[in-house]
Amino acid sequence: MFDRAQAVLSDPEAAKYVWGTGVHWYVSEEFEDLSKVHNAFPDKHLIFTEGCIEGGPQPGEWHTGERYGRSIIGDLNNHLEAWIDWNLVLNEKGGPNHVGNYCDAPVIVDTKKDEVHYNSSYYYIGHFSKFI
């Protein structure tokens, strides 16, 4: 992340057109990289732009919410300014998804049973949203 941000933000001509850096969840536990980018370019913003739990819906599992909580806390403690989920609502399969990469989401809507399920990640996001 730092190398990519540095390549653009170190170029004064390119940097004047860049508001900040968006990061995805691909290497979500390397929080110190956010501080590294912030310290090198303190006038630029940092936002988390995509995260989800892969492998389809995991109803009733708390580890999914715990991952969200750990990520949100680690990110915010390292200068991140916003955290955006990839999909807040998915169907009972964890889609729709054009490549078949089904995921879990804070809210799963069972379109066959006409039911709505709130997963642990929903409550974690709600907690942070209420207090930050």
Protein backbone atom coordinates (compact mmCIF):
# COMPACT_ATOMS: atom_id res chain seq x y z
CA MET A 1 0.00 0.00 0.00
CA PHE A 2 2.72 2.46 0.93
CA ASP A 3 4.67 1.86 -2.28
CA ARG A 4 1.62 2.49 -4.45
CA ALA A 5 0.58 5.60 -2.53
CA GLN A 6 4.13 6.92 -2.55
CA ALA A 7 4.47 6.45 -6.32
CA VAL A 8 1.60 8.88 -6.91
CA LEU A 9 1.77 11.19 -3.91
CA SER A 10 5.52 11.81 -4.20
CA ASP A 11 4.97 13.28 -7.64
CA PRO A 12 3.88 16.91 -7.03
CA GLU A 13 2.16 17.12 -10.41
CA ALA A 14 0.12 13.94 -9.81
CA ALA A 15 -0.48 14.58 -6.10
CA LYS A 16 -2.31 17.85 -6.71
CA TYR A 17 -5.11 15.83 -8.33
CA VAL A 18 -5.36 13.23 -5.57
CA TRP A 19 -7.61 13.74 -2.54
CA GLY A 20 -6.41 10.65 -0.73
CA THR A 21 -5.87 6.92 -0.73
CA GLY A 22 -8.56 4.23 -0.65
CA VAL A 23 -7.68 0.80 0.67
CA HIS A 24 -9.38 -2.59 0.44
CA TRP A 25 -9.35 -5.49 2.86
CA TYR A 26 -6.83 -7.63 0.99
CA VAL A 27 -4.17 -7.21 3.68
CA SER A 28 -6.39 -6.03 6.49
CA GLU A 29 -4.11 -6.66 9.45
CA GLU A 30 -1.19 -4.44 8.39
CA PHE A 31 -2.58 -1.35 10.09
CA GLU A 32 0.84 0.29 10.43
CA ASP A 33 0.89 0.84 6.66
CA LEU A 34 -1.89 3.39 7.11
CA SER A 35 0.23 5.36 9.58
CA LYS A 36 3.18 5.10 7.23
CA VAL A 37 1.17 6.71 4.42
CA HIS A 38 -0.32 9.31 6.78
CA ASN A 39 3.07 10.27 8.19
CA ALA A 40 4.58 10.64 4.70
CA PHE A 41 1.57 12.55 3.29
CA PRO A 42 -0.34 14.08 6.24
CA ASP A 43 -2.37 16.39 4.00
CA LYS A 44 -3.97 13.44 2.16
CA HIS A 45 -6.94 11.41 3.38
CA LEU A 46 -7.25 7.67 4.03
CA ILE A 47 -10.46 5.69 3.63
CA PHE A 48 -11.32 2.01 3.72
CA THR A 49 -13.37 1.36 0.60
CA GLU A 50 -14.16 -2.34 0.54
CA GLY A 51 -14.35 -5.25 2.92
CA CYS A 52 -16.38 -8.42 3.32
CA ILE A 53 -16.20 -11.95 4.66
CA GLU A 54 -15.82 -14.39 1.77
CA GLY A 55 -17.25 -17.89 1.62
CA GLY A 56 -20.97 -17.13 1.64
CA PRO A 57 -23.33 -16.31 4.49
CA GLN A 58 -22.28 -17.37 7.97
CA PRO A 59 -25.38 -16.77 10.08
CA GLY A 60 -24.91 -16.79 13.84
CA GLU A 61 -21.11 -16.59 13.66
CA TRP A 62 -19.45 -14.01 15.88
CA HIS A 63 -15.99 -14.25 14.32
CA THR A 64 -17.27 -12.25 11.34
CA GLY A 65 -18.29 -9.29 13.49
CA GLU A 66 -15.10 -9.60 15.51
CA ARG A 67 -13.09 -9.29 12.30
CA TYR A 68 -14.99 -6.12 11.42
CA GLY A 69 -14.39 -4.71 14.90
CA ARG A 70 -10.68 -5.52 14.85
CA SER A 71 -10.32 -3.98 11.42
CA ILE A 72 -12.27 -0.82 12.23
CA ILE A 73 -10.36 -0.22 15.47
CA GLY A 74 -6.96 -0.95 13.91
CA ASP A 75 -7.73 1.28 10.93
CA LEU A 76 -9.08 4.22 12.94
CA ASN A 77 -6.13 4.03 15.32
CA ASN A 78 -3.86 4.49 12.29
CA HIS A 79 -5.38 7.63 10.75
CA LEU A 80 -8.13 6.09 8.64
CA GLU A 81 -11.06 8.51 8.28
CA ALA A 82 -13.89 6.35 6.92
CA TRP A 83 -14.77 2.65 6.74
CA ILE A 84 -17.16 1.38 4.05
CA ASP A 85 -18.45 -2.18 3.77
CA TRP A 86 -18.49 -3.86 0.35
CA ASN A 87 -22.11 -5.04 0.57
CA LEU A 88 -24.38 -4.26 3.49
CA VAL A 89 -27.13 -6.58 2.22
CA LEU A 90 -26.84 -9.83 0.27
CA ASN A 91 -29.23 -12.67 -0.50
CA GLU A 92 -29.30 -16.14 1.07
CA LYS A 93 -26.49 -17.33 -1.23
CA GLY A 94 -24.26 -14.35 -0.50
CA GLY A 95 -24.92 -12.64 -3.79
CA PRO A 96 -25.72 -11.46 -6.29
CA ASN A 97 -22.19 -11.61 -7.58
CA HIS A 98 -21.19 -11.67 -11.24
CA VAL A 99 -18.18 -13.93 -10.66
CA GLY A 100 -19.66 -16.34 -8.09
CA ASN A 101 -17.57 -14.97 -5.22
CA TYR A 102 -20.31 -15.30 -2.62
CA CYS A 103 -19.83 -13.47 0.65
CA ASP A 104 -21.31 -12.85 4.05
CA ALA A 105 -22.86 -9.47 4.77
CA PRO A 106 -24.14 -7.58 7.80
CA VAL A 107 -27.68 -8.25 6.56
CA ILE A 108 -28.74 -11.39 4.71
CA VAL A 109 -32.15 -11.42 3.03
CA ASP A 110 -33.56 -14.89 2.44
CA THR A 111 -35.59 -14.26 -0.69
CA LYS A 112 -37.09 -17.76 -0.59
CA LYS A 113 -38.41 -17.54 2.97
CA ASP A 114 -38.98 -13.77 2.93
CA GLU A 115 -36.81 -13.34 6.05
CA VAL A 116 -34.15 -10.83 7.09
CA HIS A 117 -31.15 -11.97 9.19
CA TYR A 118 -28.87 -9.53 11.01
CA ASN A 119 -25.35 -10.88 11.42
CA SER A 120 -22.80 -9.95 14.07
CA SER A 121 -21.06 -7.57 11.65
CA TYR A 122 -24.31 -5.57 11.49
CA TYR A 123 -24.14 -4.97 15.25
CA TYR A 124 -20.44 -4.13 15.16
CA ILE A 125 -20.99 -1.54 12.43
CA GLY A 126 -23.99 -0.20 14.34
CA HIS A 127 -21.96 0.17 17.52
CA PHE A 128 -19.19 2.16 15.82
CA SER A 129 -21.73 4.24 13.89
CA LYS A 130 -23.49 5.28 17.07
CA PHE A 131 -20.39 6.36 18.96
CA ILE A 132 -18.00 7.71 16.34
